[in-house]
Amino acid sequence: MSVAPRQTSAVAIITGHMARAEIRRRPHELEGDGLAVTGLVLGWVMVGAVIAAILVFILFFGGLAWLAAMSN
């Protein structure tokens, strides 16, 4: 798995929180809360996808190891 998706998801989460805080401080001057929320959601979706991929990897190869141990 490439490092770039993990880094970009962290950047999306951090900058999304920073943008929302800035928009809350100056609501009459700034817009874009929806874009900030979208960045946050996509960042957290990617984090969840990485965790799910790691779990699938562990369960798949753990299942193969279990099957190999049972056949001997």
Protein backbone atom coordinates (compact mmCIF):
# COMPACT_ATOMS: atom_id res chain seq x y z
CA MET A 1 0.00 0.00 0.00
CA SER A 2 1.29 3.40 -0.92
CA VAL A 3 2.19 5.97 1.70
CA ALA A 4 0.46 8.80 -0.19
CA PRO A 5 -3.16 7.90 0.72
CA ARG A 6 -2.29 7.71 4.40
CA GLN A 7 -0.50 11.04 4.31
CA THR A 8 -3.21 12.77 2.32
CA SER A 9 -5.93 11.48 4.65
CA ALA A 10 -4.04 12.93 7.62
CA VAL A 11 -3.64 16.23 5.76
CA ALA A 12 -7.37 16.27 4.91
CA ILE A 13 -8.34 15.71 8.55
CA ILE A 14 -5.94 18.32 9.93
CA THR A 15 -6.71 21.02 7.37
CA GLY A 16 -10.44 20.30 7.59
CA HIS A 17 -10.40 20.97 11.33
CA MET A 18 -8.26 24.08 10.83
CA ALA A 19 -10.60 25.42 8.14
CA ARG A 20 -13.73 24.84 10.20
CA ALA A 21 -12.18 26.58 13.21
CA GLU A 22 -11.21 29.57 11.05
CA ILE A 23 -14.70 29.74 9.53
CA ARG A 24 -16.26 29.66 13.01
CA ARG A 25 -14.03 32.52 14.16
CA ARG A 26 -14.99 34.74 11.18
CA PRO A 27 -18.36 33.48 9.88
CA HIS A 28 -19.30 36.75 8.13
CA GLU A 29 -16.07 36.92 6.14
CA LEU A 30 -15.45 33.28 5.19
CA GLU A 31 -17.45 30.55 3.46
CA GLY A 32 -16.69 26.94 2.66
CA ASP A 33 -17.76 24.99 5.70
CA GLY A 34 -19.23 22.34 3.41
CA LEU A 35 -15.90 21.83 1.69
CA ALA A 36 -14.14 21.57 5.04
CA VAL A 37 -16.64 18.94 6.20
CA THR A 38 -16.18 17.06 2.92
CA GLY A 39 -12.42 16.98 3.50
CA LEU A 40 -12.94 15.69 7.01
CA VAL A 41 -15.35 12.98 5.88
CA LEU A 42 -13.09 11.81 3.04
CA GLY A 43 -10.07 11.81 5.34
CA TRP A 44 -11.83 9.68 7.94
CA VAL A 45 -13.24 7.36 5.24
CA MET A 46 -9.70 6.72 4.05
CA VAL A 47 -8.52 6.02 7.60
CA GLY A 48 -11.36 3.50 7.94
CA ALA A 49 -10.49 1.92 4.59
CA VAL A 50 -6.85 1.48 5.62
CA ILE A 51 -7.87 -0.12 8.92
CA ALA A 52 -10.33 -2.42 7.11
CA ALA A 53 -7.64 -3.41 4.58
CA ILE A 54 -5.22 -4.27 7.38
CA LEU A 55 -7.88 -6.38 9.13
CA VAL A 56 -8.77 -8.20 5.91
CA PHE A 57 -5.07 -8.89 5.29
CA ILE A 58 -4.58 -10.28 8.80
CA LEU A 59 -7.77 -12.36 8.71
CA PHE A 60 -7.04 -13.76 5.24
CA PHE A 61 -3.50 -14.88 6.01
CA GLY A 62 -4.46 -15.96 9.51
CA GLY A 63 -7.17 -18.14 7.97
CA LEU A 64 -4.67 -19.63 5.53
CA ALA A 65 -2.28 -20.39 8.37
CA TRP A 66 -5.11 -21.98 10.35
CA LEU A 67 -6.09 -24.14 7.37
CA ALA A 68 -2.49 -25.19 6.84
CA ALA A 69 -2.13 -26.11 10.52
CA MET A 70 -5.38 -28.14 10.47
CA SER A 71 -4.37 -30.15 7.40
CA ASN A 72 -1.17 -31.49 8.98
